[in-house]
Amino acid sequence: MRPEWVKREAIRSFAGHPLKFRKEVLGVLGVFSRAQLTENDFSWLRTFADSAAVAITNARRFEEIDRLRAKLELENEYLQAEIREIFDFGEIVGRSSALKKALHQIQLVAGTNSTVLILGESGTGKELIARAVHERSPRKQRPFIKVNCAAVPDKLFESEFFGHVKGAFTGADKDRVGRVEVADGGTLFLDEIAEIPVGLKPNFSRCCRNSSLNESGKTARAK
């Protein structure tokens, strides 16, 4: 407190009350007065502070609800698009020794947070393997996000994976969360990963390492 300001403004009394909701202190409500504050004034301050703490807490919760709702809507948008793309998907069926070995490897890796590299020619079922890993992992309740790296234009690569804000480029009419964030806690399947532009590979690798996906999710890479 500044004594010169108190003297200049003829402040005679001060009262403060914590803005407290349950066990969390959100701040302090303070009142300076040129008159002597009474017990009734203190009572009103306490009532107002308690009401303000509830209002602040509710505002924060509504903001969080809005953020989560927006993320869920985007996640649903990605999943709906993925469903439309899948025209013939079923369980992996077979009894050959090679397939049994592959299924055993799926079981071994599914419970870990390791990044998985799936190799094979086009049409050999790399996506089926990635989905099998996802469905047998602790992440199965979270989204399985597929990205065909070969189909993403170079100029939109960073936006597609890491998102953009409204106005970042022509056609960006709203904020958009990238697929890395949408897949957080689930599986990000990078089909044709070798097609990622050479100039973007260092940044992509660094961003993926720094994201929470490596801690709580899995990246299944295929080429």
Protein backbone atom coordinates (compact mmCIF):
# COMPACT_ATOMS: atom_id res chain seq x y z
CA MET A 1 0.00 0.00 0.00
CA ARG A 2 1.23 3.51 -0.83
CA PRO A 3 0.99 5.87 2.19
CA GLU A 4 1.03 9.00 0.02
CA TRP A 5 -1.96 7.72 -1.98
CA VAL A 6 -3.87 6.86 1.20
CA LYS A 7 -3.24 10.33 2.58
CA ARG A 8 -4.12 12.10 -0.68
CA GLU A 9 -7.38 10.19 -1.06
CA ALA A 10 -8.27 10.54 2.62
CA ILE A 11 -8.67 6.79 3.07
CA ARG A 12 -9.91 5.97 6.55
CA SER A 13 -10.49 2.23 6.41
CA PHE A 14 -9.87 -0.90 4.38
CA ALA A 15 -11.56 -4.29 4.31
CA GLY A 16 -10.62 -7.44 2.43
CA HIS A 17 -12.19 -10.85 2.00
CA PRO A 18 -10.84 -13.89 0.12
CA LEU A 19 -12.65 -15.03 -3.01
CA LYS A 20 -12.86 -18.65 -1.94
CA PHE A 21 -14.77 -21.52 -3.48
CA ARG A 22 -14.63 -24.68 -1.40
CA LYS A 23 -10.91 -25.07 -0.65
CA GLU A 24 -9.59 -22.98 -3.56
CA VAL A 25 -8.70 -19.32 -3.08
CA LEU A 26 -9.36 -17.47 -6.33
CA GLY A 27 -8.22 -14.05 -5.17
CA VAL A 28 -9.07 -11.28 -2.71
CA LEU A 29 -11.82 -8.68 -2.82
CA GLY A 30 -10.63 -5.44 -1.22
CA VAL A 31 -12.46 -2.21 -0.43
CA PHE A 32 -10.92 1.18 0.43
CA SER A 33 -13.24 3.69 2.05
CA ARG A 34 -13.13 7.36 3.01
CA ALA A 35 -15.60 6.54 5.78
CA GLN A 36 -15.32 4.24 8.75
CA LEU A 37 -16.53 0.76 7.75
CA THR A 38 -19.06 -0.89 10.04
CA GLU A 39 -19.74 -4.50 10.95
CA ASN A 40 -22.66 -4.38 8.54
CA ASP A 41 -20.29 -3.29 5.76
CA PHE A 42 -18.03 -6.25 6.52
CA SER A 43 -21.03 -8.56 6.40
CA TRP A 44 -22.07 -7.26 2.97
CA LEU A 45 -18.49 -7.60 1.71
CA ARG A 46 -18.36 -11.21 2.82
CA THR A 47 -21.69 -11.96 1.09
CA PHE A 48 -20.59 -10.27 -2.12
CA ALA A 49 -17.20 -12.01 -2.09
CA ASP A 50 -18.80 -15.43 -1.66
CA SER A 51 -21.21 -14.78 -4.53
CA ALA A 52 -18.39 -13.47 -6.74
CA ALA A 53 -16.30 -16.59 -6.06
CA VAL A 54 -19.18 -18.82 -7.19
CA ALA A 55 -19.67 -16.72 -10.33
CA ILE A 56 -15.98 -16.85 -11.23
CA THR A 57 -15.88 -20.63 -10.73
CA ASN A 58 -18.97 -21.14 -12.89
CA ALA A 59 -17.53 -18.93 -15.64
CA ARG A 60 -14.33 -20.98 -15.68
CA ARG A 61 -16.27 -24.24 -15.81
CA PHE A 62 -18.47 -23.05 -18.67
CA GLU A 63 -15.35 -22.00 -20.57
CA GLU A 64 -13.84 -25.46 -20.07
CA ILE A 65 -17.11 -27.12 -21.15
CA ASP A 66 -17.15 -25.03 -24.32
CA ARG A 67 -13.54 -25.99 -25.08
CA LEU A 68 -14.21 -29.70 -24.56
CA ARG A 69 -17.41 -29.54 -26.60
CA ALA A 70 -15.55 -27.94 -29.51
CA LYS A 71 -12.86 -30.63 -29.34
CA LEU A 72 -15.46 -33.42 -29.25
CA GLU A 73 -17.28 -31.95 -32.23
CA LEU A 74 -14.04 -31.83 -34.20
CA GLU A 75 -13.15 -35.35 -33.13
CA ASN A 76 -16.56 -36.53 -34.29
CA GLU A 77 -16.06 -34.74 -37.61
CA TYR A 78 -12.79 -36.61 -38.18
CA LEU A 79 -14.34 -39.94 -37.17
CA GLN A 80 -17.36 -39.48 -39.43
CA ALA A 81 -15.05 -38.68 -42.34
CA GLU A 82 -13.04 -41.79 -41.55
CA ILE A 83 -16.17 -43.97 -41.48
CA ARG A 84 -17.20 -42.69 -44.89
CA GLU A 85 -13.80 -43.61 -46.31
CA ILE A 86 -13.94 -47.18 -45.04
CA PHE A 87 -15.94 -49.30 -47.49
CA ASP A 88 -14.77 -52.80 -46.67
CA PHE A 89 -13.42 -53.39 -43.16
CA GLY A 90 -13.66 -56.56 -41.13
CA GLU A 91 -11.74 -58.57 -38.56
CA ILE A 92 -8.47 -60.21 -39.53
CA VAL A 93 -9.21 -63.88 -40.29
CA GLY A 94 -6.72 -66.64 -40.99
CA ARG A 95 -4.82 -69.63 -39.60
CA SER A 96 -1.45 -69.44 -41.31
CA SER A 97 1.71 -69.46 -39.21
CA ALA A 98 2.72 -66.06 -40.61
CA LEU A 99 -0.61 -64.50 -39.59
CA LYS A 100 -0.46 -66.10 -36.15
CA LYS A 101 3.00 -64.60 -35.69
CA ALA A 102 1.70 -61.16 -36.73
CA LEU A 103 -1.24 -61.43 -34.31
CA HIS A 104 1.14 -62.42 -31.52
CA GLN A 105 3.25 -59.33 -32.26
CA ILE A 106 0.11 -57.19 -32.16
CA GLN A 107 -0.71 -58.52 -28.68
CA LEU A 108 2.82 -57.81 -27.48
CA VAL A 109 2.94 -54.19 -28.66
CA ALA A 110 -0.70 -53.20 -28.05
CA GLY A 111 -0.25 -52.71 -24.32
CA THR A 112 2.74 -50.39 -24.69
CA ASN A 113 3.15 -46.73 -25.63
CA SER A 114 5.73 -47.56 -28.28
CA THR A 115 5.57 -46.15 -31.78
CA VAL A 116 4.84 -48.95 -34.27
CA LEU A 117 6.26 -49.15 -37.80
CA ILE A 118 4.15 -51.33 -40.11
CA LEU A 119 5.78 -52.34 -43.39
CA GLY A 120 4.14 -53.87 -46.44
CA GLU A 121 3.09 -53.32 -50.02
CA SER A 122 -0.14 -51.51 -50.86
CA GLY A 123 -3.16 -53.71 -50.22
CA THR A 124 -1.51 -56.02 -47.68
CA GLY A 125 -3.63 -54.73 -44.79
CA LYS A 126 -1.39 -52.31 -42.91
CA GLU A 127 -4.41 -50.33 -41.72
CA LEU A 128 -6.08 -53.52 -40.45
CA ILE A 129 -2.97 -54.22 -38.38
CA ALA A 130 -2.94 -50.65 -37.02
CA ARG A 131 -6.62 -50.90 -36.07
CA ALA A 132 -6.03 -54.28 -34.43
CA VAL A 133 -3.26 -52.73 -32.31
CA HIS A 134 -5.57 -49.86 -31.39
CA GLU A 135 -8.54 -52.10 -30.50
CA ARG A 136 -6.38 -54.25 -28.21
CA SER A 137 -4.71 -51.31 -26.46
CA PRO A 138 -5.72 -49.23 -23.42
CA ARG A 139 -6.44 -46.45 -25.94
CA LYS A 140 -9.32 -48.27 -27.63
CA GLN A 141 -11.92 -45.87 -26.16
CA ARG A 142 -10.08 -42.90 -27.68
CA PRO A 143 -10.05 -42.02 -31.40
CA PHE A 144 -8.21 -43.81 -34.18
CA ILE A 145 -7.16 -41.04 -36.57
CA LYS A 146 -5.88 -41.96 -40.01
CA VAL A 147 -3.89 -39.60 -42.21
CA ASN A 148 -2.79 -40.42 -45.75
CA CYS A 149 0.43 -38.41 -45.86
CA ALA A 150 0.63 -38.75 -49.63
CA ALA A 151 -2.74 -37.01 -50.02
CA VAL A 152 -1.91 -33.93 -47.93
CA PRO A 153 -0.65 -30.95 -50.02
CA ASP A 154 2.77 -29.67 -48.95
CA LYS A 155 1.43 -26.20 -48.15
CA LEU A 156 -1.27 -27.59 -45.86
CA PHE A 157 0.84 -30.24 -44.14
CA GLU A 158 1.56 -28.30 -40.93
CA SER A 159 -2.04 -27.05 -40.75
CA GLU A 160 -3.44 -30.57 -41.19
CA PHE A 161 -1.30 -32.06 -38.45
CA PHE A 162 -0.86 -29.20 -35.99
CA GLY A 163 -3.89 -26.97 -36.71
CA HIS A 164 -4.26 -23.30 -37.54
CA VAL A 165 -6.04 -20.17 -36.38
CA LYS A 166 -8.70 -18.28 -38.26
CA GLY A 167 -7.21 -16.19 -41.06
CA ALA A 168 -3.88 -18.06 -41.15
CA PHE A 169 -4.31 -18.53 -44.90
CA THR A 170 -6.93 -18.17 -47.61
CA GLY A 171 -9.91 -20.35 -46.75
CA ALA A 172 -9.11 -20.60 -43.03
CA ASP A 173 -12.48 -19.25 -41.86
CA LYS A 174 -12.23 -20.70 -38.35
CA ASP A 175 -9.75 -22.09 -35.83
CA ARG A 176 -8.96 -25.75 -36.48
CA VAL A 177 -7.26 -28.23 -34.18
CA GLY A 178 -4.65 -30.43 -35.84
CA ARG A 179 -4.91 -34.18 -36.10
CA VAL A 180 -2.06 -34.71 -33.64
CA GLU A 181 -4.13 -33.04 -30.89
CA VAL A 182 -7.34 -34.80 -31.93
CA ALA A 183 -5.56 -38.16 -31.65
CA ASP A 184 -4.20 -37.33 -28.19
CA GLY A 185 -4.77 -40.35 -25.96
CA GLY A 186 -5.60 -42.53 -28.96
CA THR A 187 -3.83 -43.66 -32.13
CA LEU A 188 -2.54 -41.57 -35.03
CA PHE A 189 -2.10 -43.80 -38.10
CA LEU A 190 0.29 -42.20 -40.59
CA ASP A 191 -0.27 -43.98 -43.87
CA GLU A 192 2.46 -43.52 -46.50
CA ILE A 193 4.68 -41.74 -43.96
CA ALA A 194 7.56 -41.81 -46.42
CA GLU A 195 5.65 -39.24 -48.50
CA ILE A 196 6.03 -36.52 -45.86
CA PRO A 197 7.91 -33.65 -47.58
CA VAL A 198 11.63 -33.87 -46.83
CA GLY A 199 11.80 -30.26 -45.67
CA LEU A 200 9.05 -30.85 -43.09
CA LYS A 201 10.30 -34.12 -41.59
CA PRO A 202 12.62 -32.53 -38.97
CA ASN A 203 9.88 -30.18 -37.70
CA PHE A 204 7.30 -32.95 -37.75
CA SER A 205 9.50 -35.31 -35.74
CA ARG A 206 10.33 -32.60 -33.21
CA CYS A 207 6.70 -31.56 -32.75
CA CYS A 208 5.57 -35.16 -32.28
CA ARG A 209 8.27 -35.75 -29.68
CA ASN A 210 7.21 -32.64 -27.78
CA SER A 211 3.48 -33.38 -27.95
CA SER A 212 1.56 -35.24 -25.25
CA LEU A 213 0.80 -37.95 -27.82
CA ASN A 214 4.08 -39.69 -27.08
CA GLU A 215 3.16 -39.89 -23.40
CA SER A 216 -0.49 -40.92 -23.57
CA GLY A 217 -1.03 -42.22 -27.11
CA LYS A 218 0.52 -44.19 -29.91
CA THR A 219 1.58 -43.39 -33.44
CA ALA A 220 1.26 -46.26 -35.88
CA ARG A 221 3.33 -45.50 -38.96
CA ALA A 222 2.97 -47.31 -42.24
CA LYS A 223 4.74 -47.20 -45.57
